[in-house]
Amino acid sequence: MLTRRFFTKTIATLAGALMAGISLQATPALAETPIKFTLDWKFEGPAAGFLLALDKGYFKAEGLDVTIDTGNGSVEAIPRVATGAYEMGFGDINSLMKFLDEDPSQKIKAVYMVYERPTFAVVGRKSLGVSTDPKSLEGKKLGAPPPDGAFAQWPAFKQVAKIDDSAITIESIGFPVREPMLAKGDVDAVFGFAFSVILNLKAQGIADDDIATILMAENGLNLYGNSVLVNSDFAAANPDAVKGFLKALAKGFADAVANPQEGVDAVLKRNETLNPEIELERLNMANSMNIKTPYVVENGMGGIDPARLAASIDTLKVSLGLKGNVKAEQVFDASYLPTKEERMLP
């Protein structure tokens, strides 16, 4: 009797295990597509849209396992993605055009415009003789980090703004000392992204009314700014992953615009040394100046005007020495974009 009960129980257990195995085989777990993403810079306010998409599970909902790393400039992100070290990234589309003009076979393209107006600026101090007039830079010493996207536009900007650079001194400086050198008066102005330089200067103790910001986009330079980049081999092999990434990202940026404080909280989780008030101001500046522009309000975030992008190539022939080896359609691929409705900002 005991033997029969043991035998019956054993058979039942084996049968249950077998059925469970069949059930697991019939509904396999779907593997998430891994994507390594490089930012252009550190975890600061303007990165909020990316981080909210990650923290709120928007990437995961699209079947993606996304890792977001910091960067070292909007130009350096480009080779990271082109080489496949990162599947996707965030970098300057103008520098991307230069990169592709030099070698059109590089495996990279832009797929989502984030800074519809570029953040390129020259920021100086009024107490050092710099105003919002570009011609106030004449005769001054300007600090320029070599990998900086704003500095890359200097040849075109001084032309459209009619700046005489014969008495201007350009000093090559690193990112970490850029604002400290301006704060100490070692240089009169510096190149950089407006929202970064302005707020880093304030953190150095420079008063608001002593800061003079010259935005290149408001002084004749009609270019686009930073966009989401993708390795083209990865995109060709994983088109749904790229589309899912951009769909999730649109939600993240919409949240960062609707609730900037929530976005700053996501940033502070990665860098507790930041000043919350400064990062909130930095994010609000990026939202108003570069992200939620009049064009984006009407057309949704992420897309571009092909004619405007094509026209920018002529400008870049001056600033970056483009030879004409690349066309706008080789630089930006709109086929991965979510619908316009999904890209509208609140």
Protein backbone atom coordinates (compact mmCIF):
# COMPACT_ATOMS: atom_id res chain seq x y z
CA MET A 1 0.00 0.00 0.00
CA LEU A 2 2.77 2.43 0.93
CA THR A 3 4.69 1.41 -2.17
CA ARG A 4 1.66 2.01 -4.37
CA ARG A 5 1.01 5.44 -2.80
CA PHE A 6 4.65 6.41 -3.21
CA PHE A 7 4.63 5.24 -6.81
CA THR A 8 1.40 7.14 -7.58
CA LYS A 9 2.70 10.32 -5.93
CA THR A 10 5.98 10.09 -7.81
CA ILE A 11 4.23 9.68 -11.16
CA ALA A 12 1.97 12.66 -10.39
CA THR A 13 4.99 14.80 -9.48
CA LEU A 14 6.82 13.86 -12.66
CA ALA A 15 3.72 14.50 -14.74
CA GLY A 16 3.29 17.92 -13.15
CA ALA A 17 6.91 18.80 -13.79
CA LEU A 18 6.61 17.64 -17.39
CA MET A 19 3.48 19.74 -17.96
CA ALA A 20 5.19 22.76 -16.40
CA GLY A 21 8.13 22.26 -18.71
CA ILE A 22 5.85 22.07 -21.74
CA SER A 23 4.07 25.21 -20.59
CA LEU A 24 7.36 27.11 -20.19
CA GLN A 25 8.51 26.00 -23.62
CA ALA A 26 5.23 27.08 -25.16
CA THR A 27 5.53 30.65 -23.78
CA PRO A 28 9.24 31.57 -23.70
CA ALA A 29 10.27 34.81 -21.98
CA LEU A 30 11.04 37.53 -24.51
CA ALA A 31 14.61 38.79 -24.18
CA GLU A 32 15.01 42.55 -23.92
CA THR A 33 17.19 44.21 -26.56
CA PRO A 34 20.20 45.78 -24.83
CA ILE A 35 21.07 49.36 -25.83
CA LYS A 36 24.07 51.26 -24.48
CA PHE A 37 23.40 54.99 -24.75
CA THR A 38 25.96 57.77 -24.33
CA LEU A 39 24.96 61.27 -23.31
CA ASP A 40 26.85 64.30 -24.56
CA TRP A 41 27.80 65.43 -21.08
CA LYS A 42 27.34 64.77 -17.37
CA PHE A 43 24.12 63.98 -15.53
CA GLU A 44 22.67 67.49 -15.41
CA GLY A 45 19.20 69.02 -15.75
CA PRO A 46 18.88 68.74 -19.56
CA ALA A 47 19.41 64.95 -19.36
CA ALA A 48 16.11 64.61 -17.48
CA GLY A 49 14.09 63.37 -20.48
CA PHE A 50 16.45 60.44 -21.03
CA LEU A 51 16.56 59.51 -17.36
CA LEU A 52 12.78 59.72 -16.85
CA ALA A 53 12.23 57.37 -19.79
CA LEU A 54 14.54 54.92 -18.03
CA ASP A 55 13.29 55.36 -14.45
CA LYS A 56 9.59 55.27 -15.36
CA GLY A 57 9.93 52.04 -17.32
CA TYR A 58 9.17 53.50 -20.76
CA PHE A 59 12.18 51.76 -22.35
CA LYS A 60 11.38 48.51 -20.60
CA ALA A 61 7.79 48.66 -21.87
CA GLU A 62 9.23 48.71 -25.41
CA GLY A 63 11.28 45.56 -24.74
CA LEU A 64 14.56 47.42 -24.23
CA ASP A 65 17.31 47.07 -21.65
CA VAL A 66 18.84 50.57 -21.76
CA THR A 67 22.02 51.72 -20.02
CA ILE A 68 22.78 55.47 -20.01
CA ASP A 69 26.36 56.70 -19.56
CA THR A 70 27.76 60.21 -19.26
CA GLY A 71 29.73 61.79 -22.09
CA ASN A 72 32.65 64.16 -22.60
CA GLY A 73 31.29 66.66 -25.11
CA SER A 74 28.71 66.73 -27.89
CA VAL A 75 31.36 65.90 -30.50
CA GLU A 76 32.91 62.92 -28.74
CA ALA A 77 29.59 61.04 -28.67
CA ILE A 78 29.80 60.64 -32.46
CA PRO A 79 32.73 58.20 -32.74
CA ARG A 80 31.39 56.28 -29.74
CA VAL A 81 28.26 55.46 -31.74
CA ALA A 82 29.93 55.12 -35.16
CA THR A 83 32.35 52.48 -33.89
CA GLY A 84 29.57 50.50 -32.21
CA ALA A 85 30.97 51.04 -28.72
CA TYR A 86 27.48 52.46 -28.07
CA GLU A 87 24.40 51.52 -30.06
CA MET A 88 22.90 54.99 -29.61
CA GLY A 89 23.89 58.38 -28.25
CA PHE A 90 23.30 62.13 -28.03
CA GLY A 91 25.49 64.52 -29.98
CA ASP A 92 25.80 67.58 -32.19
CA ILE A 93 24.26 67.06 -35.64
CA ASN A 94 26.56 69.67 -37.17
CA SER A 95 29.64 67.81 -36.05
CA LEU A 96 27.97 64.64 -37.34
CA MET A 97 27.72 66.24 -40.79
CA LYS A 98 31.44 67.04 -40.63
CA PHE A 99 32.17 63.46 -39.58
CA LEU A 100 30.16 62.03 -42.49
CA ASP A 101 31.50 64.58 -44.97
CA GLU A 102 34.99 63.29 -44.22
CA ASP A 103 33.90 59.65 -44.54
CA PRO A 104 30.33 58.96 -45.77
CA SER A 105 30.78 55.24 -45.08
CA GLN A 106 30.75 55.77 -41.29
CA LYS A 107 28.00 53.73 -39.60
CA ILE A 108 26.00 56.49 -37.93
CA LYS A 109 23.00 58.75 -38.50
CA ALA A 110 20.69 61.07 -36.57
CA VAL A 111 17.13 59.91 -35.92
CA TYR A 112 15.53 62.33 -33.42
CA MET A 113 16.13 66.07 -33.02
CA VAL A 114 16.23 67.16 -29.36
CA TYR A 115 17.68 70.69 -29.51
CA GLU A 116 15.61 72.19 -32.33
CA ARG A 117 17.54 75.38 -31.67
CA PRO A 118 21.21 74.85 -30.80
CA THR A 119 22.52 75.86 -27.41
CA PHE A 120 25.71 77.28 -28.94
CA ALA A 121 26.78 80.45 -27.18
CA VAL A 122 29.64 82.71 -26.24
CA VAL A 123 29.20 83.71 -22.60
CA GLY A 124 31.18 86.53 -21.06
CA ARG A 125 31.10 88.99 -18.19
CA LYS A 126 29.88 92.54 -18.46
CA SER A 127 32.53 93.62 -15.96
CA LEU A 128 35.12 92.40 -18.46
CA GLY A 129 33.63 94.41 -21.32
CA VAL A 130 31.43 91.76 -22.94
CA SER A 131 27.77 92.45 -23.76
CA THR A 132 25.06 90.65 -25.72
CA ASP A 133 26.39 92.31 -28.88
CA PRO A 134 28.71 89.87 -30.72
CA LYS A 135 30.99 92.75 -31.72
CA SER A 136 31.80 93.25 -28.03
CA LEU A 137 34.03 90.17 -28.37
CA GLU A 138 36.47 92.09 -30.56
CA GLY A 139 39.83 92.52 -28.85
CA LYS A 140 38.96 90.01 -26.11
CA LYS A 141 40.48 86.72 -24.92
CA LEU A 142 38.09 83.80 -25.45
CA GLY A 143 38.40 80.42 -23.75
CA ALA A 144 37.58 77.45 -26.00
CA PRO A 145 37.47 73.73 -25.14
CA PRO A 146 38.60 72.01 -28.39
CA PRO A 147 35.82 69.34 -28.39
CA ASP A 148 33.07 71.91 -27.80
CA GLY A 149 30.27 72.09 -30.37
CA ALA A 150 29.84 75.85 -29.92
CA PHE A 151 33.51 76.56 -30.59
CA ALA A 152 33.28 74.45 -33.76
CA GLN A 153 30.85 77.05 -35.16
CA TRP A 154 33.14 80.03 -34.55
CA PRO A 155 34.32 80.46 -38.20
CA ALA A 156 30.72 80.69 -39.47
CA PHE A 157 29.45 82.70 -36.51
CA LYS A 158 32.08 85.44 -36.73
CA GLN A 159 31.20 85.75 -40.43
CA VAL A 160 27.41 86.05 -40.06
CA ALA A 161 27.79 88.29 -36.98
CA LYS A 162 30.38 90.44 -38.77
CA ILE A 163 32.98 90.09 -36.00
CA ASP A 164 36.50 91.33 -36.67
CA ASP A 165 38.68 88.67 -35.07
CA SER A 166 42.03 90.26 -35.90
CA ALA A 167 42.57 91.27 -32.25
CA ILE A 168 40.77 88.33 -30.64
CA THR A 169 42.85 85.76 -28.75
CA ILE A 170 41.58 82.16 -28.56
CA GLU A 171 42.93 80.18 -25.61
CA SER A 172 42.48 76.41 -25.60
CA ILE A 173 41.11 75.33 -22.21
CA GLY A 174 39.57 72.18 -20.74
CA PHE A 175 35.92 71.81 -19.77
CA PRO A 176 36.63 71.53 -16.02
CA VAL A 177 38.40 74.92 -15.88
CA ARG A 178 36.18 76.79 -18.36
CA GLU A 179 33.86 78.56 -15.90
CA PRO A 180 36.47 78.93 -13.12
CA MET A 181 38.80 80.74 -15.54
CA LEU A 182 36.01 83.10 -16.61
CA ALA A 183 35.03 83.64 -12.98
CA LYS A 184 38.62 84.61 -12.14
CA GLY A 185 38.92 86.87 -15.17
CA ASP A 186 41.63 84.78 -16.85
CA VAL A 187 39.51 84.95 -20.01
CA ASP A 188 36.82 87.47 -21.00
CA ALA A 189 34.33 84.98 -22.43
CA VAL A 190 34.03 81.28 -23.20
CA PHE A 191 32.37 79.04 -25.75
CA GLY A 192 29.80 76.49 -24.63
CA PHE A 193 26.18 75.47 -24.25
CA ALA A 194 24.31 78.45 -22.80
CA PHE A 195 22.50 76.63 -20.02
CA SER A 196 25.69 74.93 -18.87
CA VAL A 197 28.01 77.93 -18.84
CA ILE A 198 25.53 80.41 -17.33
CA LEU A 199 24.58 78.24 -14.39
CA ASN A 200 28.09 76.96 -13.79
CA LEU A 201 29.18 80.60 -13.60
CA LYS A 202 26.47 81.34 -11.05
CA ALA A 203 27.70 78.37 -9.05
CA GLN A 204 31.14 80.05 -9.12
CA GLY A 205 29.59 83.09 -7.45
CA ILE A 206 29.18 85.32 -10.52
CA ALA A 207 26.08 87.50 -10.26
CA ASP A 208 23.29 87.19 -12.81
CA ASP A 209 23.61 90.80 -13.90
CA ASP A 210 27.32 90.36 -14.68
CA ILE A 211 26.71 87.51 -17.16
CA ALA A 212 26.44 88.41 -20.87
CA THR A 213 25.11 85.65 -23.13
CA ILE A 214 25.52 85.78 -26.90
CA LEU A 215 23.32 83.07 -28.42
CA MET A 216 24.53 82.16 -31.89
CA ALA A 217 21.01 81.16 -33.00
CA GLU A 218 19.80 84.69 -32.25
CA ASN A 219 22.64 86.29 -34.17
CA GLY A 220 22.41 84.77 -37.63
CA LEU A 221 23.44 81.14 -37.17
CA ASN A 222 20.41 79.07 -38.28
CA LEU A 223 21.49 75.55 -37.37
CA TYR A 224 20.10 72.57 -35.53
CA GLY A 225 21.65 71.33 -32.29
CA ASN A 226 21.97 67.98 -30.54
CA SER A 227 20.10 64.93 -31.76
CA VAL A 228 19.76 61.26 -30.93
CA LEU A 229 22.28 59.23 -32.91
CA VAL A 230 22.20 55.55 -33.84
CA ASN A 231 24.72 53.11 -35.20
CA SER A 232 23.31 52.36 -38.67
CA ASP A 233 24.21 48.66 -38.56
CA PHE A 234 22.35 48.31 -35.27
CA ALA A 235 19.37 50.23 -36.67
CA ALA A 236 19.21 48.04 -39.77
CA ALA A 237 19.25 44.88 -37.65
CA ASN A 238 16.93 46.23 -34.94
CA PRO A 239 14.50 48.74 -36.49
CA ASP A 240 11.74 48.02 -33.95
CA ALA A 241 14.17 48.60 -31.08
CA VAL A 242 15.11 52.02 -32.46
CA LYS A 243 11.44 52.92 -32.98
CA GLY A 244 10.64 51.74 -29.45
CA PHE A 245 13.52 53.76 -28.01
CA LEU A 246 12.27 56.96 -29.65
CA LYS A 247 8.68 56.31 -28.62
CA ALA A 248 9.80 55.87 -25.00
CA LEU A 249 12.03 58.92 -25.23
CA ALA A 250 9.16 61.10 -26.45
CA LYS A 251 7.30 60.20 -23.27
CA GLY A 252 10.33 60.96 -21.13
CA PHE A 253 10.81 64.42 -22.60
CA ALA A 254 7.09 65.18 -22.36
CA ASP A 255 7.30 64.35 -18.65
CA ALA A 256 10.41 66.52 -18.20
CA VAL A 257 8.56 69.47 -19.77
CA ALA A 258 5.34 68.88 -17.82
CA ASN A 259 7.07 68.32 -14.49
CA PRO A 260 10.65 69.66 -14.48
CA GLN A 261 11.06 68.95 -10.76
CA GLU A 262 10.45 65.26 -11.37
CA GLY A 263 13.12 65.40 -14.07
CA VAL A 264 15.61 67.07 -11.77
CA ASP A 265 14.95 64.44 -9.11
CA ALA A 266 15.94 61.78 -11.65
CA VAL A 267 19.18 63.66 -12.33
CA LEU A 268 19.99 64.12 -8.64
CA LYS A 269 19.68 60.36 -8.09
CA ARG A 270 22.79 60.01 -10.27
CA ASN A 271 24.68 63.01 -8.93
CA GLU A 272 23.83 64.07 -5.38
CA THR A 273 26.52 66.79 -5.40
CA LEU A 274 24.46 68.98 -7.74
CA ASN A 275 22.52 72.00 -6.55
CA PRO A 276 18.80 71.16 -7.03
CA GLU A 277 17.80 74.79 -7.67
CA ILE A 278 20.51 75.28 -10.28
CA GLU A 279 19.61 72.05 -12.10
CA LEU A 280 15.93 73.00 -12.13
CA GLU A 281 16.85 76.36 -13.65
CA ARG A 282 19.16 74.63 -16.15
CA LEU A 283 16.40 72.25 -17.25
CA ASN A 284 13.87 75.06 -17.56
CA MET A 285 16.34 77.03 -19.69
CA ALA A 286 16.93 74.05 -22.00
CA ASN A 287 13.19 73.43 -22.28
CA SER A 288 12.39 77.04 -23.20
CA MET A 289 15.42 77.88 -25.38
CA ASN A 290 16.17 74.64 -27.16
CA ILE A 291 13.53 71.93 -26.75
CA LYS A 292 10.00 73.38 -26.66
CA THR A 293 10.52 75.89 -29.45
CA PRO A 294 7.74 77.39 -31.60
CA TYR A 295 8.50 74.84 -34.35
CA VAL A 296 8.20 71.95 -31.89
CA VAL A 297 4.96 73.30 -30.42
CA GLU A 298 3.46 73.18 -33.90
CA ASN A 299 5.10 70.07 -35.34
CA GLY A 300 6.03 67.90 -32.37
CA MET A 301 9.47 67.06 -31.01
CA GLY A 302 12.03 64.97 -32.87
CA GLY A 303 11.52 65.86 -36.51
CA ILE A 304 13.30 68.35 -38.76
CA ASP A 305 12.63 70.61 -41.74
CA PRO A 306 14.64 68.91 -44.54
CA ALA A 307 15.14 72.19 -46.40
CA ARG A 308 16.54 73.87 -43.29
CA LEU A 309 18.91 70.96 -42.63
CA ALA A 310 20.07 71.06 -46.25
CA ALA A 311 20.68 74.82 -46.01
CA SER A 312 22.77 74.33 -42.88
CA ILE A 313 25.28 72.37 -44.96
CA ASP A 314 26.25 75.61 -46.74
CA THR A 315 26.83 77.27 -43.36
CA LEU A 316 28.95 74.34 -42.25
CA LYS A 317 31.12 74.67 -45.33
CA VAL A 318 32.27 77.90 -43.70
CA SER A 319 32.42 76.85 -40.05
CA LEU A 320 33.59 73.26 -40.38
CA GLY A 321 35.05 73.18 -43.88
CA LEU A 322 32.56 70.72 -45.34
CA LYS A 323 33.48 69.65 -48.87
CA GLY A 324 29.96 68.72 -49.96
CA ASN A 325 30.37 64.94 -49.70
CA VAL A 326 27.24 64.47 -47.61
CA LYS A 327 23.58 65.30 -48.21
CA ALA A 328 20.92 66.05 -45.60
CA GLU A 329 19.12 62.75 -46.24
CA GLN A 330 22.31 60.85 -45.41
CA VAL A 331 22.50 62.59 -42.03
CA PHE A 332 18.94 62.41 -40.67
CA ASP A 333 16.60 59.42 -41.03
CA ALA A 334 13.00 60.22 -40.04
CA SER A 335 11.70 56.69 -40.65
CA TYR A 336 12.07 55.67 -36.99
CA LEU A 337 10.08 58.59 -35.57
CA PRO A 338 6.87 58.01 -33.59
CA THR A 339 3.69 59.63 -34.90
CA LYS A 340 3.32 63.40 -34.60
CA GLU A 341 0.66 62.91 -31.91
CA GLU A 342 3.09 60.83 -29.83
CA ARG A 343 5.74 63.57 -30.14
CA MET A 344 3.68 66.56 -29.01
CA LEU A 345 4.87 68.29 -25.84
CA PRO A 346 2.49 69.48 -23.09
